[in-house]
Protein backbone atom coordinates (compact mmCIF):
# COMPACT_ATOMS: atom_id res chain seq x y z
CA MET A 1 11.12 7.49 -19.12
CA SER A 2 9.46 8.79 -21.99
CA ASN A 3 8.27 12.94 -21.98
CA CYS A 4 4.64 11.30 -22.10
CA ASP A 5 4.88 9.85 -18.54
CA LEU A 6 6.42 12.75 -16.60
CA PRO A 7 2.92 14.42 -16.54
CA ILE A 8 1.46 11.59 -14.99
CA PHE A 9 4.09 11.47 -12.64
CA PHE A 10 3.65 14.90 -11.34
CA LEU A 11 0.34 14.10 -10.90
CA PHE A 12 0.39 11.81 -8.95
CA LEU A 13 2.84 13.16 -6.72
CA ILE A 14 0.34 16.22 -6.24
CA ASN A 15 -2.61 14.04 -5.90
CA ILE A 16 -0.40 12.78 -2.66
CA SER A 17 1.09 16.01 -1.35
CA PHE A 18 -2.18 17.50 -1.12
CA GLY A 19 -4.62 14.78 0.17
CA CYS A 20 -6.59 14.77 3.07
CA PRO A 21 -4.39 14.56 6.30
CA PRO A 22 -4.23 11.31 8.40
CA SER A 23 -7.28 10.50 11.05
CA LEU A 24 -6.69 10.27 14.37
CA GLU A 25 -8.26 6.69 13.79
CA SER A 26 -5.48 5.86 11.25
CA LEU A 27 -2.97 6.74 13.52
CA ASN A 28 -3.57 3.21 16.19
CA LEU A 29 -3.12 5.29 18.91
CA PRO A 30 -3.97 3.51 22.17
CA HIS A 31 -6.79 5.56 23.59
CA PRO A 32 -6.24 8.27 26.73
CA VAL A 33 -5.99 6.40 29.86
CA VAL A 34 -8.16 8.61 32.72
CA HIS A 35 -7.51 8.06 36.06
CA THR A 36 -9.69 8.63 38.50
CA GLU A 37 -8.27 7.93 41.59
CA CYS A 38 -8.49 11.06 43.50
CA LEU A 39 -10.93 13.47 41.08
CA LYS A 40 -12.20 14.06 44.88
CA ARG A 41 -10.12 16.22 47.19
CA ASN A 42 -8.69 14.30 49.89
CA SER A 43 -9.63 11.26 48.29
CA CYS A 44 -6.21 9.87 48.30
CA GLN A 45 -5.04 7.97 51.61
CA ARG A 46 -2.82 9.51 54.44
CA GLY A 47 1.24 9.82 52.87
CA TYR A 48 -0.24 10.64 49.03
CA ILE A 49 -0.99 12.97 47.56
CA CYS A 50 -3.56 13.58 44.24
CA ARG A 51 -0.87 14.91 41.07
CA LEU A 52 -2.23 14.39 37.23
CA ASN A 53 -5.36 12.81 38.66
CA ARG A 54 -3.11 10.02 40.00
CA CYS A 55 -2.49 9.25 44.03
CA VAL A 56 1.80 9.77 44.53
CA GLY A 57 4.42 9.86 46.88
CA GLY A 58 3.61 7.05 49.29
CA ARG A 59 6.94 5.35 49.05
CA ALA A 60 8.66 8.73 49.38
CA PHE A 61 6.62 9.99 52.08
CA ALA A 62 7.04 5.95 54.18
CA SER A 63 10.72 5.68 53.00
CA LYS A 64 12.65 7.25 55.71
CA ILE A 65 11.47 6.44 59.32
CA LYS A 66 11.58 10.08 61.07
CA GLN A 67 10.60 10.95 64.80
CA LEU A 68 9.09 14.60 63.96
CA GLN A 69 9.20 17.04 66.63
CA ASN A 70 6.55 18.32 68.20
CA SER A 71 6.34 21.49 66.12
CA ASP A 72 7.81 19.73 63.21
CA PHE A 73 4.17 17.55 63.74
CA GLU A 74 2.52 20.93 63.65
CA SER A 75 4.22 22.59 61.28
CA GLU A 76 2.66 19.65 59.24
CA ARG A 77 -0.65 19.14 60.27
CA MET A 78 -0.72 23.17 59.39
CA LYS A 79 0.34 23.18 55.94
CA ARG A 80 -2.41 19.68 55.18
CA CYS A 81 -5.38 21.78 56.55
CA CYS A 82 -3.74 24.93 54.16
CA LEU A 83 -3.56 22.65 51.26
CA ASP A 84 -7.26 20.93 52.19
CA HIS A 85 -8.61 24.70 52.18
CA PHE A 86 -6.99 25.58 48.87
CA LEU A 87 -4.40 28.12 50.14
CA PRO A 88 -2.53 29.31 47.18
CA GLU A 89 0.53 27.88 46.09
CA ARG A 90 2.88 31.23 46.93
CA CYS A 91 0.98 31.78 50.11
CA MET A 92 2.52 28.21 51.54
CA GLY A 93 5.64 29.87 53.24
CA PHE A 94 3.03 31.72 55.67
CA CYS A 95 1.10 28.39 56.86
CA SER A 96 3.47 26.97 59.61
CA SER A 97 3.60 27.04 63.25
CA ASN A 98 6.73 28.49 63.14
CA SER A 99 5.80 30.84 61.16
CA TYR A 100 2.64 32.28 62.34
CA ASN A 101 3.45 35.57 63.87
CA VAL A 102 2.77 39.18 64.21
CA SER A 103 5.97 39.67 61.96
CA SER A 104 4.69 36.92 59.25
CA ILE A 105 1.09 38.51 59.41
CA PHE A 106 2.23 41.70 58.82
CA ARG A 107 4.99 40.91 55.89
CA LEU A 108 1.65 38.94 54.65
CA LEU A 109 -0.77 41.91 54.53
CA SER A 110 1.72 44.18 53.26
CA LYS A 111 2.42 42.18 50.25
CA SER A 112 -0.80 41.52 49.26
CA ASN A 113 -0.02 41.32 45.17
CA ARG A 114 1.82 38.10 46.63
CA CYS A 115 -0.63 36.67 48.87
CA PRO A 116 -4.26 37.48 48.67
CA ARG A 117 -5.52 38.94 52.32
CA THR A 118 -8.02 36.25 52.07
CA SER A 119 -5.36 33.81 53.35
CA LEU A 120 -4.82 35.00 55.92
CA SER A 121 -8.43 33.87 56.98
CA ILE A 122 -7.34 30.11 56.44
CA ILE A 123 -3.79 30.24 57.72
CA HIS A 124 -5.38 31.54 61.24
CA PHE A 125 -8.12 28.32 60.66
CA CYS A 126 -5.70 25.84 60.42
CA ALA A 127 -3.46 27.37 63.04
CA SER A 128 -6.50 27.06 65.42
CA LYS A 129 -7.12 23.16 64.40
CA ASN A 130 -10.73 24.40 64.00
CA LEU A 131 -11.33 24.00 67.97
CA ASP A 132 -12.63 26.66 70.26
CA HIS A 133 -9.97 27.55 72.55
CA GLN A 134 -12.36 31.04 73.86
CA ASP A 135 -12.30 29.56 77.23
CA CYS A 136 -8.38 29.91 77.25
CA CYS A 137 -8.28 33.28 75.41
CA ASN A 138 -10.26 34.67 77.98
CA GLN A 139 -8.21 33.06 80.95
CA LYS A 140 -5.29 35.34 78.66
CA ARG A 141 -7.57 38.49 78.81
CA ILE A 142 -8.02 38.92 75.29
CA PRO A 143 -10.69 41.74 74.93
CA PRO A 144 -13.74 40.26 73.21
CA ARG A 145 -13.95 42.20 70.32
CA CYS A 146 -11.40 39.15 69.45
CA LEU A 147 -12.92 36.47 70.97
CA ASP A 148 -14.02 34.74 67.24
CA LEU A 149 -10.10 34.88 66.55
CA CYS A 150 -10.52 32.42 69.08
CA SER A 151 -12.49 29.78 67.78
CA PRO A 152 -13.02 30.07 64.16
CA SER A 153 -15.65 27.91 63.04
CA SER A 154 -14.56 28.11 59.31
CA PRO A 155 -11.88 29.13 56.84
CA THR A 156 -13.97 31.77 56.06
CA THR A 157 -13.85 33.48 59.50
CA ARG A 158 -13.76 37.48 58.99
CA PHE A 159 -9.59 37.87 59.77
CA ASP A 160 -8.69 41.35 57.86
CA GLU A 161 -8.20 44.96 58.43
CA SER A 162 -10.82 45.07 61.10
CA LYS A 163 -8.94 42.98 63.39
CA LEU A 164 -5.67 44.46 63.37
CA HIS A 165 -5.95 45.94 66.67
CA CYS A 166 -5.74 42.02 67.80
CA LEU A 167 -2.70 41.03 65.88
CA GLN A 168 -0.93 42.25 69.61
CA TYR A 169 -2.44 38.83 70.60
CA ILE A 170 -1.51 36.74 68.47
CA SER A 171 0.89 35.10 70.61
CA LEU A 172 -1.29 34.47 73.40
CA MET A 173 -3.67 33.12 70.77
CA LYS A 174 -1.32 30.53 69.31
CA SER A 175 -0.44 29.38 72.73
CA CYS A 176 -4.26 28.38 73.59
CA PHE A 177 -3.86 27.18 70.14
CA GLN A 178 -1.10 24.72 71.07
CA GLU A 179 -2.02 23.56 74.41
CA PHE A 180 -4.47 21.13 72.95
């Protein structure tokens, strides 16, 4: 290599290193695949859940046949309802027929930084199965000012500090919810 050739080599090297980066098209990558199976809530079939816009989990759900006890079935139904009504993940521990009682409601209300108080309305709505239990609640002598909690017509039924006096009747309401 002569002295005259050296600068041309460096010029060529500089041109390569400071050139434009390759475009995405030049990399020949496949186009991203967008799955639209479950972009809409509840569009997956029973036993499947929507993860990353795909319905997944069916085989694992049905791979073991198990007799569920009534309380297990109720808890699963209630959890499904809470998921369908967008209960925050951190509140799901309160959404179970086994854990729905006065002490868990007090825990939920006292730890509002963990679980928003508005989630109590969703949990109560799911516990009631969205059915009218007022006849049963009347028979159990639940006061009229608490009867609206026996037939929550929507997950936004007001269950907050104004209804704290009704907490003493939760076990009676729950027994009505479980009769149906």
